[in-house]
Amino acid sequence: MSETGHKPDPDNATGGQMPAGSQPAFPMRRSLFRKNLVTALLLAPAALWLVVFLVLPFVAIAIFSVGERAPEGGYQAALTFAQYANLPARATAFWNTMVLAPVGALACLLVAYPVAYYLALRAPDRWRLILLALIVIPFWTSLLMRTYAWMYILGGRGIPALLAYVGIEDLRLINTPGAVLLGIVYGYLPLMILPIYVSLERLDRRLLEASADLGATPVSTFLGVTLRLSLPGVMTGFSLVMILLLGEYLIPTLLGGGKVFFIGNALVDLFLQSRNWPFGSAIAITLVLVSVVVLIVANRISTRLSGARRVDLI
């Protein structure tokens, strides 16, 4: 007991200062608020871009699709699903797109996989970047210019003129489904090569060595190890090319000559020529739904393949 007869106050034992562990949480809250504010400001331009150029146009197209065509063309407010009932009127465009899009993506895959395999597992290190540049650099040029080049190659002064010198005449290459398929493979090949290359480049080489040590043949090693572990990249490239081909317009127009009609050609005709905006919007919504289905299926397959870590070596 002190001389004054008072007991020491435990609350003032620290000289009126708060313990170190009981500091106010305001500085921490301010730091968290500033961090969230900075994150929001960084995301704001991208979010604004998505809203203006993706969400709002999609909402407008959805509204147009349940309307009617005005007498002078364009859009007239209404609430009807007659435009969706008229989708069979463009059955040819849907058929060509649903056939040539997956066939074109598959053709790109058949060409891209050997190229990506060589770049990732066989090409010398000093040549790898050069070969990748040769694949990517043509993709920097306009697709229009590259497609016009193929028009000249497949036209009367290109390959047909060369074949005429050896006696092969009246061979028509341009304005055919084959010409469209060739243009698709050439135009979208880099988009298929790069995802497969990344998947193969990350492959653990020790698995290949273990497979060989266990007596597996090269074919068994490729099917059981290399191909299986590269399937996520294959699915990524296939779905990317497939979705882009669903809306392709330029290649069928230039190399198909109006004889190979895609959904993209139908949309241009409906919006710019006949000015039937509701019907064109209904086709566009259907195309978006098909693209979403392709994305969902590809994502589920890729997720399952990525989660399967077991590899059968023999």
C-alpha atoms as a PDB file:
ATOM      1  CA  MET A   1       0.000   0.000   0.000  1.00  0.00           C
ATOM      2  CA  SER A   2       1.283   3.441  -0.895  1.00  0.00           C
ATOM      3  CA  GLU A   3       1.977   6.240   1.565  1.00  0.00           C
ATOM      4  CA  THR A   4      -1.251   8.010   0.677  1.00  0.00           C
ATOM      5  CA  GLY A   5      -3.247   4.967   1.583  1.00  0.00           C
ATOM      6  CA  HIS A   6      -4.550   4.347  -1.918  1.00  0.00           C
ATOM      7  CA  LYS A   7      -4.202   1.099  -3.805  1.00  0.00           C
ATOM      8  CA  PRO A   8      -2.568   1.272  -7.224  1.00  0.00           C
ATOM      9  CA  ASP A   9      -5.103   1.477 -10.039  1.00  0.00           C
ATOM     10  CA  PRO A  10      -4.578  -1.472 -12.400  1.00  0.00           C
ATOM     11  CA  ASP A  11      -6.019   0.572 -15.279  1.00  0.00           C
ATOM     12  CA  ASN A  12      -3.215   3.093 -14.871  1.00  0.00           C
ATOM     13  CA  ALA A  13      -0.470   0.546 -14.438  1.00  0.00           C
ATOM     14  CA  THR A  14       0.939   1.384 -17.853  1.00  0.00           C
ATOM     15  CA  GLY A  15       1.006   5.069 -17.264  1.00  0.00           C
ATOM     16  CA  GLY A  16      -2.258   5.702 -19.097  1.00  0.00           C
ATOM     17  CA  GLN A  17      -1.063   4.053 -22.320  1.00  0.00           C
ATOM     18  CA  MET A  18      -2.945   1.223 -24.027  1.00  0.00           C
ATOM     19  CA  PRO A  19      -1.235  -2.155 -24.325  1.00  0.00           C
ATOM     20  CA  ALA A  20       0.509  -2.827 -27.583  1.00  0.00           C
ATOM     21  CA  GLY A  21      -1.941  -5.583 -28.511  1.00  0.00           C
ATOM     22  CA  SER A  22      -5.002  -3.368 -28.137  1.00  0.00           C
ATOM     23  CA  GLN A  23      -4.201  -0.661 -30.693  1.00  0.00           C
ATOM     24  CA  PRO A  24      -7.246   0.617 -32.614  1.00  0.00           C
ATOM     25  CA  ALA A  25      -8.068  -1.160 -35.874  1.00  0.00           C
ATOM     26  CA  PHE A  26      -8.651   2.067 -37.812  1.00  0.00           C
ATOM     27  CA  PRO A  27      -5.257   2.100 -39.614  1.00  0.00           C
ATOM     28  CA  MET A  28      -5.820  -1.477 -40.742  1.00  0.00           C
ATOM     29  CA  ARG A  29      -9.299  -0.643 -41.998  1.00  0.00           C
ATOM     30  CA  ARG A  30      -7.992   2.404 -43.841  1.00  0.00           C
ATOM     31  CA  SER A  31      -5.272   0.331 -45.474  1.00  0.00           C
ATOM     32  CA  LEU A  32      -7.816  -2.279 -46.564  1.00  0.00           C
ATOM     33  CA  PHE A  33     -10.153   0.422 -47.879  1.00  0.00           C
ATOM     34  CA  ARG A  34      -7.352   2.028 -49.894  1.00  0.00           C
ATOM     35  CA  LYS A  35      -6.352  -1.350 -51.298  1.00  0.00           C
ATOM     36  CA  ASN A  36      -9.922  -2.114 -52.368  1.00  0.00           C
ATOM     37  CA  LEU A  37     -10.278   1.375 -53.828  1.00  0.00           C
ATOM     38  CA  VAL A  38      -7.123   0.966 -55.908  1.00  0.00           C
ATOM     39  CA  THR A  39      -8.333  -2.436 -57.123  1.00  0.00           C
ATOM     40  CA  ALA A  40     -11.721  -0.986 -58.069  1.00  0.00           C
ATOM     41  CA  LEU A  41     -10.107   1.893 -59.961  1.00  0.00           C
ATOM     42  CA  LEU A  42      -7.883  -0.524 -61.872  1.00  0.00           C
ATOM     43  CA  LEU A  43     -10.838  -2.734 -62.791  1.00  0.00           C
ATOM     44  CA  ALA A  44     -13.168   0.150 -63.664  1.00  0.00           C
ATOM     45  CA  PRO A  45     -11.939   0.709 -67.268  1.00  0.00           C
ATOM     46  CA  ALA A  46     -12.225  -2.989 -68.116  1.00  0.00           C
ATOM     47  CA  ALA A  47     -15.644  -3.227 -66.461  1.00  0.00           C
ATOM     48  CA  LEU A  48     -16.846  -0.122 -68.308  1.00  0.00           C
ATOM     49  CA  TRP A  49     -15.540  -1.534 -71.599  1.00  0.00           C
ATOM     50  CA  LEU A  50     -17.411  -4.823 -71.015  1.00  0.00           C
ATOM     51  CA  VAL A  51     -20.638  -3.047 -70.104  1.00  0.00           C
ATOM     52  CA  VAL A  52     -20.560  -0.657 -73.072  1.00  0.00           C
ATOM     53  CA  PHE A  53     -19.363  -3.043 -75.766  1.00  0.00           C
ATOM     54  CA  LEU A  54     -20.686  -6.402 -74.535  1.00  0.00           C
ATOM     55  CA  VAL A  55     -23.539  -6.201 -72.063  1.00  0.00           C
ATOM     56  CA  LEU A  56     -25.481  -3.296 -73.581  1.00  0.00           C
ATOM     57  CA  PRO A  57     -25.243  -4.569 -77.193  1.00  0.00           C
ATOM     58  CA  PHE A  58     -26.340  -8.031 -76.065  1.00  0.00           C
ATOM     59  CA  VAL A  59     -29.341  -6.568 -74.226  1.00  0.00           C
ATOM     60  CA  ALA A  60     -30.246  -4.499 -77.298  1.00  0.00           C
ATOM     61  CA  ILE A  61     -30.033  -7.539 -79.581  1.00  0.00           C
ATOM     62  CA  ALA A  62     -32.142  -9.567 -77.142  1.00  0.00           C
ATOM     63  CA  ILE A  63     -34.813  -6.838 -77.211  1.00  0.00           C
ATOM     64  CA  PHE A  64     -34.694  -6.622 -81.006  1.00  0.00           C
ATOM     65  CA  SER A  65     -35.103 -10.407 -81.316  1.00  0.00           C
ATOM     66  CA  VAL A  66     -38.584 -10.325 -79.765  1.00  0.00           C
ATOM     67  CA  GLY A  67     -39.713  -7.382 -81.889  1.00  0.00           C
ATOM     68  CA  GLU A  68     -41.035  -7.028 -85.417  1.00  0.00           C
ATOM     69  CA  ARG A  69     -39.642  -5.628 -88.618  1.00  0.00           C
ATOM     70  CA  ALA A  70     -40.873  -2.123 -89.316  1.00  0.00           C
ATOM     71  CA  PRO A  71     -42.547  -1.547 -92.711  1.00  0.00           C
ATOM     72  CA  GLU A  72     -39.614   0.588 -93.865  1.00  0.00           C
ATOM     73  CA  GLY A  73     -37.110  -1.814 -92.314  1.00  0.00           C
ATOM     74  CA  GLY A  74     -35.384  -1.868 -88.986  1.00  0.00           C
ATOM     75  CA  TYR A  75     -37.042  -2.520 -85.641  1.00  0.00           C
ATOM     76  CA  GLN A  76     -40.579  -2.091 -84.398  1.00  0.00           C
ATOM     77  CA  ALA A  77     -41.401  -2.619 -80.720  1.00  0.00           C
ATOM     78  CA  ALA A  78     -43.410  -5.766 -80.029  1.00  0.00           C
ATOM     79  CA  LEU A  79     -43.322  -8.929 -77.952  1.00  0.00           C
ATOM     80  CA  THR A  80     -43.286 -11.973 -80.192  1.00  0.00           C
ATOM     81  CA  PHE A  81     -41.161 -15.063 -80.721  1.00  0.00           C
ATOM     82  CA  ALA A  82     -42.057 -15.352 -84.382  1.00  0.00           C
ATOM     83  CA  GLN A  83     -38.473 -14.548 -85.379  1.00  0.00           C
ATOM     84  CA  TYR A  84     -37.221 -17.640 -83.577  1.00  0.00           C
ATOM     85  CA  ALA A  85     -39.889 -19.717 -85.289  1.00  0.00           C
ATOM     86  CA  ASN A  86     -38.504 -18.519 -88.654  1.00  0.00           C
ATOM     87  CA  LEU A  87     -34.982 -19.808 -87.953  1.00  0.00           C
ATOM     88  CA  PRO A  88     -35.441 -22.805 -90.318  1.00  0.00           C
ATOM     89  CA  ALA A  89     -35.615 -20.267 -93.166  1.00  0.00           C
ATOM     90  CA  ARG A  90     -31.833 -19.941 -92.793  1.00  0.00           C
ATOM     91  CA  ALA A  91     -31.248 -23.665 -92.423  1.00  0.00           C
ATOM     92  CA  THR A  92     -28.591 -23.684 -95.165  1.00  0.00           C
ATOM     93  CA  ALA A  93     -26.468 -21.098 -93.372  1.00  0.00           C
ATOM     94  CA  PHE A  94     -26.826 -22.963 -90.085  1.00  0.00           C
ATOM     95  CA  TRP A  95     -25.941 -26.258 -91.765  1.00  0.00           C
ATOM     96  CA  ASN A  96     -22.846 -24.878 -93.480  1.00  0.00           C
ATOM     97  CA  THR A  97     -21.670 -23.244 -90.266  1.00  0.00           C
ATOM     98  CA  MET A  98     -22.328 -26.235 -88.020  1.00  0.00           C
ATOM     99  CA  VAL A  99     -20.538 -28.541 -90.464  1.00  0.00           C
ATOM    100  CA  LEU A 100     -17.601 -26.454 -91.681  1.00  0.00           C
ATOM    101  CA  ALA A 101     -16.839 -24.864 -88.294  1.00  0.00           C
ATOM    102  CA  PRO A 102     -16.046 -28.145 -86.483  1.00  0.00           C
ATOM    103  CA  VAL A 103     -14.468 -29.620 -89.620  1.00  0.00           C
ATOM    104  CA  GLY A 104     -12.290 -26.519 -89.958  1.00  0.00           C
ATOM    105  CA  ALA A 105     -11.330 -26.666 -86.277  1.00  0.00           C
ATOM    106  CA  LEU A 106     -10.485 -30.366 -86.636  1.00  0.00           C
ATOM    107  CA  ALA A 107      -8.398 -29.680 -89.744  1.00  0.00           C
ATOM    108  CA  CYS A 108      -6.531 -26.953 -87.851  1.00  0.00           C
ATOM    109  CA  LEU A 109      -5.918 -29.432 -85.039  1.00  0.00           C
ATOM    110  CA  LEU A 110      -4.530 -32.102 -87.366  1.00  0.00           C
ATOM    111  CA  VAL A 111      -2.075 -29.610 -88.835  1.00  0.00           C
ATOM    112  CA  ALA A 112      -1.281 -27.767 -85.607  1.00  0.00           C
ATOM    113  CA  TYR A 113      -0.502 -30.697 -83.326  1.00  0.00           C
ATOM    114  CA  PRO A 114       2.537 -32.026 -85.244  1.00  0.00           C
ATOM    115  CA  VAL A 115       3.870 -28.474 -85.561  1.00  0.00           C
ATOM    116  CA  ALA A 116       3.401 -27.767 -81.850  1.00  0.00           C
ATOM    117  CA  TYR A 117       4.901 -31.162 -80.974  1.00  0.00           C
ATOM    118  CA  TYR A 118       8.023 -30.457 -82.993  1.00  0.00           C
ATOM    119  CA  LEU A 119       8.410 -26.956 -81.564  1.00  0.00           C
ATOM    120  CA  ALA A 120       7.990 -28.065 -77.950  1.00  0.00           C
ATOM    121  CA  LEU A 121       9.832 -31.396 -77.887  1.00  0.00           C
ATOM    122  CA  ARG A 122      12.029 -31.730 -80.952  1.00  0.00           C
ATOM    123  CA  ALA A 123      13.139 -28.315 -82.213  1.00  0.00           C
ATOM    124  CA  PRO A 124      16.624 -27.098 -81.177  1.00  0.00           C
ATOM    125  CA  ASP A 125      16.531 -24.332 -78.586  1.00  0.00           C
ATOM    126  CA  ARG A 126      18.312 -21.851 -80.858  1.00  0.00           C
ATOM    127  CA  TRP A 127      15.659 -22.284 -83.576  1.00  0.00           C
ATOM    128  CA  ARG A 128      12.553 -22.453 -81.411  1.00  0.00           C
ATOM    129  CA  LEU A 129      11.920 -18.720 -81.087  1.00  0.00           C
ATOM    130  CA  ILE A 130      12.608 -18.186 -84.780  1.00  0.00           C
ATOM    131  CA  LEU A 131      10.101 -20.869 -85.762  1.00  0.00           C
ATOM    132  CA  LEU A 132       7.509 -19.448 -83.376  1.00  0.00           C
ATOM    133  CA  ALA A 133       8.027 -16.010 -84.893  1.00  0.00           C
ATOM    134  CA  LEU A 134       7.503 -17.415 -88.394  1.00  0.00           C
ATOM    135  CA  ILE A 135       4.183 -18.829 -87.229  1.00  0.00           C
ATOM    136  CA  VAL A 136       2.975 -15.739 -85.371  1.00  0.00           C
ATOM    137  CA  ILE A 137       4.204 -12.897 -87.618  1.00  0.00           C
ATOM    138  CA  PRO A 138       1.795 -13.650 -90.527  1.00  0.00           C
ATOM    139  CA  PHE A 139      -1.006 -13.435 -87.984  1.00  0.00           C
ATOM    140  CA  TRP A 140      -0.119  -9.782 -87.398  1.00  0.00           C
ATOM    141  CA  THR A 141      -1.186  -8.887 -90.922  1.00  0.00           C
ATOM    142  CA  SER A 142      -4.798  -8.306 -91.866  1.00  0.00           C
ATOM    143  CA  LEU A 143      -6.934 -11.379 -92.456  1.00  0.00           C
ATOM    144  CA  LEU A 144      -8.396  -9.535 -95.436  1.00  0.00           C
ATOM    145  CA  MET A 145      -4.989  -9.281 -97.107  1.00  0.00           C
ATOM    146  CA  ARG A 146      -4.187 -12.929 -96.457  1.00  0.00           C
ATOM    147  CA  THR A 147      -7.552 -14.028 -97.813  1.00  0.00           C
ATOM    148  CA  TYR A 148      -7.102 -11.916-100.946  1.00  0.00           C
ATOM    149  CA  ALA A 149      -3.743 -13.619-101.433  1.00  0.00           C
ATOM    150  CA  TRP A 150      -5.470 -16.999-101.373  1.00  0.00           C
ATOM    151  CA  MET A 151      -8.047 -15.704-103.864  1.00  0.00           C
ATOM    152  CA  TYR A 152      -5.204 -14.997-106.284  1.00  0.00           C
ATOM    153  CA  ILE A 153      -3.506 -18.340-105.601  1.00  0.00           C
ATOM    154  CA  LEU A 154      -6.685 -20.359-106.088  1.00  0.00           C
ATOM    155  CA  GLY A 155      -8.037 -18.155-108.895  1.00  0.00           C
ATOM    156  CA  GLY A 156      -7.597 -18.479-112.629  1.00  0.00           C
ATOM    157  CA  ARG A 157      -4.075 -17.006-112.644  1.00  0.00           C
ATOM    158  CA  GLY A 158      -2.808 -19.109-109.753  1.00  0.00           C
ATOM    159  CA  ILE A 159      -2.760 -22.863-109.304  1.00  0.00           C
ATOM    160  CA  PRO A 160      -5.315 -23.556-112.095  1.00  0.00           C
ATOM    161  CA  ALA A 161      -3.122 -21.698-114.608  1.00  0.00           C
ATOM    162  CA  LEU A 162      -0.108 -23.716-113.462  1.00  0.00           C
ATOM    163  CA  LEU A 163      -2.002 -26.989-113.780  1.00  0.00           C
ATOM    164  CA  ALA A 164      -3.183 -26.026-117.250  1.00  0.00           C
ATOM    165  CA  TYR A 165       0.434 -26.242-118.464  1.00  0.00           C
ATOM    166  CA  VAL A 166       0.509 -29.942-117.558  1.00  0.00           C
ATOM    167  CA  GLY A 167      -2.821 -30.679-119.208  1.00  0.00           C
ATOM    168  CA  ILE A 168      -5.156 -30.400-116.224  1.00  0.00           C
ATOM    169  CA  GLU A 169      -7.786 -27.902-117.287  1.00  0.00           C
ATOM    170  CA  ASP A 170     -11.164 -26.704-116.073  1.00  0.00           C
ATOM    171  CA  LEU A 171     -10.178 -27.321-112.457  1.00  0.00           C
ATOM    172  CA  ARG A 172     -12.141 -24.991-110.222  1.00  0.00           C
ATOM    173  CA  LEU A 173     -10.602 -24.311-106.838  1.00  0.00           C
ATOM    174  CA  ILE A 174     -12.068 -20.948-105.890  1.00  0.00           C
ATOM    175  CA  ASN A 175     -15.687 -20.512-104.717  1.00  0.00           C
ATOM    176  CA  THR A 176     -15.848 -24.039-103.297  1.00  0.00           C
ATOM    177  CA  PRO A 177     -16.174 -25.490 -99.772  1.00  0.00           C
ATOM    178  CA  GLY A 178     -12.610 -26.758-100.130  1.00  0.00           C
ATOM    179  CA  ALA A 179     -11.326 -23.223-100.717  1.00  0.00           C
ATOM    180  CA  VAL A 180     -13.209 -22.007 -97.645  1.00  0.00           C
ATOM    181  CA  LEU A 181     -11.773 -24.848 -95.577  1.00  0.00           C
ATOM    182  CA  LEU A 182      -8.255 -24.053 -96.787  1.00  0.00           C
ATOM    183  CA  GLY A 183      -8.679 -20.386 -95.890  1.00  0.00           C
ATOM    184  CA  ILE A 184      -9.994 -21.343 -92.456  1.00  0.00           C
ATOM    185  CA  VAL A 185      -7.009 -23.579 -91.715  1.00  0.00           C
ATOM    186  CA  TYR A 186      -4.519 -20.954 -92.859  1.00  0.00           C
ATOM    187  CA  GLY A 187      -6.247 -18.086 -91.064  1.00  0.00           C
ATOM    188  CA  TYR A 188      -6.766 -19.756 -87.695  1.00  0.00           C
ATOM    189  CA  LEU A 189      -3.797 -22.135 -87.505  1.00  0.00           C
ATOM    190  CA  PRO A 190      -1.731 -19.964 -85.075  1.00  0.00           C
ATOM    191  CA  LEU A 191      -4.636 -19.882 -82.622  1.00  0.00           C
ATOM    192  CA  MET A 192      -4.529 -23.681 -82.537  1.00  0.00           C
ATOM    193  CA  ILE A 193      -0.753 -24.084 -82.434  1.00  0.00           C
ATOM    194  CA  LEU A 194      -0.025 -21.778 -79.494  1.00  0.00           C
ATOM    195  CA  PRO A 195      -2.266 -23.400 -76.809  1.00  0.00           C
ATOM    196  CA  ILE A 196      -1.037 -26.872 -77.777  1.00  0.00           C
ATOM    197  CA  TYR A 197       2.566 -25.678 -77.776  1.00  0.00           C
ATOM    198  CA  VAL A 198       2.199 -24.212 -74.277  1.00  0.00           C
ATOM    199  CA  SER A 199       0.672 -27.459 -73.018  1.00  0.00           C
ATOM    200  CA  LEU A 200       3.443 -29.573 -74.542  1.00  0.00           C
ATOM    201  CA  GLU A 201       6.204 -27.198 -73.486  1.00  0.00           C
ATOM    202  CA  ARG A 202       5.160 -27.580 -69.838  1.00  0.00           C
ATOM    203  CA  LEU A 203       5.236 -31.376 -70.096  1.00  0.00           C
ATOM    204  CA  ASP A 204       7.566 -33.007 -67.561  1.00  0.00           C
ATOM    205  CA  ARG A 205      10.248 -34.722 -69.633  1.00  0.00           C
ATOM    206  CA  ARG A 206      10.923 -37.163 -66.803  1.00  0.00           C
ATOM    207  CA  LEU A 207       7.606 -38.855 -67.535  1.00  0.00           C
ATOM    208  CA  LEU A 208       8.749 -39.570 -71.076  1.00  0.00           C
ATOM    209  CA  GLU A 209      12.032 -40.968 -69.782  1.00  0.00           C
ATOM    210  CA  ALA A 210      10.229 -43.107 -67.204  1.00  0.00           C
ATOM    211  CA  SER A 211       7.924 -44.466 -69.878  1.00  0.00           C
ATOM    212  CA  ALA A 212      10.896 -45.479 -72.026  1.00  0.00           C
ATOM    213  CA  ASP A 213      12.686 -47.034 -69.028  1.00  0.00           C
ATOM    214  CA  LEU A 214       9.620 -49.133 -68.261  1.00  0.00           C
ATOM    215  CA  GLY A 215       9.695 -50.570 -71.766  1.00  0.00           C
ATOM    216  CA  ALA A 216       6.838 -48.630 -73.364  1.00  0.00           C
ATOM    217  CA  THR A 217       7.017 -48.201 -77.119  1.00  0.00           C
ATOM    218  CA  PRO A 218       7.183 -44.686 -78.602  1.00  0.00           C
ATOM    219  CA  VAL A 219       3.562 -45.020 -79.720  1.00  0.00           C
ATOM    220  CA  SER A 220       2.460 -46.070 -76.225  1.00  0.00           C
ATOM    221  CA  THR A 221       4.410 -43.195 -74.709  1.00  0.00           C
ATOM    222  CA  PHE A 222       2.803 -40.716 -77.071  1.00  0.00           C
ATOM    223  CA  LEU A 223      -0.743 -41.979 -76.513  1.00  0.00           C
ATOM    224  CA  GLY A 224      -0.438 -42.601 -72.783  1.00  0.00           C
ATOM    225  CA  VAL A 225       1.693 -39.646 -71.730  1.00  0.00           C
ATOM    226  CA  THR A 226       2.216 -36.920 -74.332  1.00  0.00           C
ATOM    227  CA  LEU A 227      -1.242 -36.851 -75.886  1.00  0.00           C
ATOM    228  CA  ARG A 228      -3.076 -37.324 -72.603  1.00  0.00           C
ATOM    229  CA  LEU A 229      -1.259 -34.520 -70.813  1.00  0.00           C
ATOM    230  CA  SER A 230      -1.631 -32.156 -73.781  1.00  0.00           C
ATOM    231  CA  LEU A 231      -5.390 -32.634 -74.113  1.00  0.00           C
ATOM    232  CA  PRO A 232      -6.250 -29.487 -72.083  1.00  0.00           C
ATOM    233  CA  GLY A 233      -4.292 -27.417 -74.594  1.00  0.00           C
ATOM    234  CA  VAL A 234      -5.985 -29.261 -77.437  1.00  0.00           C
ATOM    235  CA  MET A 235      -9.421 -28.480 -76.020  1.00  0.00           C
ATOM    236  CA  THR A 236      -8.497 -24.831 -75.478  1.00  0.00           C
ATOM    237  CA  GLY A 237      -7.321 -24.395 -79.053  1.00  0.00           C
ATOM    238  CA  PHE A 238     -10.245 -26.340 -80.511  1.00  0.00           C
ATOM    239  CA  SER A 239     -12.899 -24.389 -78.599  1.00  0.00           C
ATOM    240  CA  LEU A 240     -11.225 -21.050 -79.410  1.00  0.00           C
ATOM    241  CA  VAL A 241     -11.088 -21.754 -83.145  1.00  0.00           C
ATOM    242  CA  MET A 242     -14.552 -23.312 -83.138  1.00  0.00           C
ATOM    243  CA  ILE A 243     -16.208 -20.285 -81.534  1.00  0.00           C
ATOM    244  CA  LEU A 244     -14.483 -17.846 -83.877  1.00  0.00           C
ATOM    245  CA  LEU A 245     -15.528 -19.899 -86.889  1.00  0.00           C
ATOM    246  CA  LEU A 246     -19.171 -19.825 -85.811  1.00  0.00           C
ATOM    247  CA  GLY A 247     -19.201 -16.096 -86.559  1.00  0.00           C
ATOM    248  CA  GLU A 248     -16.857 -16.164 -89.554  1.00  0.00           C
ATOM    249  CA  TYR A 249     -17.898 -13.927 -92.447  1.00  0.00           C
ATOM    250  CA  LEU A 250     -14.878 -12.809 -94.457  1.00  0.00           C
ATOM    251  CA  ILE A 251     -13.439 -16.150 -95.596  1.00  0.00           C
ATOM    252  CA  PRO A 252     -16.763 -17.610 -96.854  1.00  0.00           C
ATOM    253  CA  THR A 253     -17.485 -14.346 -98.659  1.00  0.00           C
ATOM    254  CA  LEU A 254     -14.161 -14.091-100.511  1.00  0.00           C
ATOM    255  CA  LEU A 255     -13.242 -17.739-101.020  1.00  0.00           C
ATOM    256  CA  GLY A 256     -16.793 -19.067-101.188  1.00  0.00           C
ATOM    257  CA  GLY A 257     -18.041 -16.479-103.648  1.00  0.00           C
ATOM    258  CA  GLY A 258     -21.544 -16.463-102.174  1.00  0.00           C
ATOM    259  CA  LYS A 259     -21.925 -20.206-102.764  1.00  0.00           C
ATOM    260  CA  VAL A 260     -20.830 -21.168 -99.248  1.00  0.00           C
ATOM    261  CA  PHE A 261     -23.135 -19.273 -96.902  1.00  0.00           C
ATOM    262  CA  PHE A 262     -22.290 -18.994 -93.190  1.00  0.00           C
ATOM    263  CA  ILE A 263     -24.371 -17.533 -90.367  1.00  0.00           C
ATOM    264  CA  GLY A 264     -22.145 -14.464 -90.485  1.00  0.00           C
ATOM    265  CA  ASN A 265     -23.160 -13.920 -94.099  1.00  0.00           C
ATOM    266  CA  ALA A 266     -26.814 -14.245 -93.124  1.00  0.00           C
ATOM    267  CA  LEU A 267     -26.399 -11.613 -90.401  1.00  0.00           C
ATOM    268  CA  VAL A 268     -24.779  -9.147 -92.799  1.00  0.00           C
ATOM    269  CA  ASP A 269     -27.584  -9.703 -95.294  1.00  0.00           C
ATOM    270  CA  LEU A 270     -30.342  -9.276 -92.703  1.00  0.00           C
ATOM    271  CA  PHE A 271     -28.912  -6.177 -91.007  1.00  0.00           C
ATOM    272  CA  LEU A 272     -27.488  -4.310 -94.010  1.00  0.00           C
ATOM    273  CA  GLN A 273     -29.441  -5.498 -97.047  1.00  0.00           C
ATOM    274  CA  SER A 274     -32.978  -6.558 -96.132  1.00  0.00           C
ATOM    275  CA  ARG A 275     -32.890  -4.543 -92.866  1.00  0.00           C
ATOM    276  CA  ASN A 276     -34.725  -7.259 -90.961  1.00  0.00           C
ATOM    277  CA  TRP A 277     -33.166  -6.480 -87.604  1.00  0.00           C
ATOM    278  CA  PRO A 278     -35.455  -8.668 -85.441  1.00  0.00           C
ATOM    279  CA  PHE A 279     -34.753 -11.802 -87.489  1.00  0.00           C
ATOM    280  CA  GLY A 280     -31.045 -11.051 -87.574  1.00  0.00           C
ATOM    281  CA  SER A 281     -31.072 -10.501 -83.815  1.00  0.00           C
ATOM    282  CA  ALA A 282     -32.792 -13.846 -83.266  1.00  0.00           C
ATOM    283  CA  ILE A 283     -30.086 -15.559 -85.329  1.00  0.00           C
ATOM    284  CA  ALA A 284     -27.390 -13.693 -83.376  1.00  0.00           C
ATOM    285  CA  ILE A 285     -28.868 -14.767 -80.028  1.00  0.00           C
ATOM    286  CA  THR A 286     -28.998 -18.362 -81.245  1.00  0.00           C
ATOM    287  CA  LEU A 287     -25.370 -18.125 -82.322  1.00  0.00           C
ATOM    288  CA  VAL A 288     -24.378 -16.779 -78.895  1.00  0.00           C
ATOM    289  CA  LEU A 289     -26.189 -19.653 -77.180  1.00  0.00           C
ATOM    290  CA  VAL A 290     -24.401 -22.186 -79.369  1.00  0.00           C
ATOM    291  CA  SER A 291     -21.074 -20.536 -78.516  1.00  0.00           C
ATOM    292  CA  VAL A 292     -21.880 -20.696 -74.801  1.00  0.00           C
ATOM    293  CA  VAL A 293     -22.698 -24.403 -75.094  1.00  0.00           C
ATOM    294  CA  VAL A 294     -19.386 -25.013 -76.864  1.00  0.00           C
ATOM    295  CA  LEU A 295     -17.545 -23.118 -74.115  1.00  0.00           C
ATOM    296  CA  ILE A 296     -19.279 -25.034 -71.321  1.00  0.00           C
ATOM    297  CA  VAL A 297     -18.601 -28.424 -72.894  1.00  0.00           C
ATOM    298  CA  ALA A 298     -14.974 -27.563 -73.655  1.00  0.00           C
ATOM    299  CA  ASN A 299     -14.454 -26.176 -70.143  1.00  0.00           C
ATOM    300  CA  ARG A 300     -15.844 -29.305 -68.484  1.00  0.00           C
ATOM    301  CA  ILE A 301     -13.752 -31.592 -70.656  1.00  0.00           C
ATOM    302  CA  SER A 302     -10.643 -29.508 -70.043  1.00  0.00           C
ATOM    303  CA  THR A 303     -11.299 -29.452 -66.277  1.00  0.00           C
ATOM    304  CA  ARG A 304     -11.673 -33.207 -66.130  1.00  0.00           C
ATOM    305  CA  LEU A 305      -8.549 -33.719 -68.199  1.00  0.00           C
ATOM    306  CA  SER A 306      -6.573 -31.264 -66.083  1.00  0.00           C
ATOM    307  CA  GLY A 307      -7.689 -32.994 -62.894  1.00  0.00           C
ATOM    308  CA  ALA A 308      -6.648 -36.437 -64.124  1.00  0.00           C
ATOM    309  CA  ARG A 309      -3.047 -36.667 -62.960  1.00  0.00           C
ATOM    310  CA  ARG A 310      -2.615 -40.429 -63.227  1.00  0.00           C
ATOM    311  CA  VAL A 311      -0.623 -41.516 -66.264  1.00  0.00           C
ATOM    312  CA  ASP A 312      -0.450 -45.088 -67.515  1.00  0.00           C
ATOM    313  CA  LEU A 313       3.119 -45.641 -68.661  1.00  0.00           C
ATOM    314  CA  ILE A 314       2.609 -49.177 -69.981  1.00  0.00           C
END
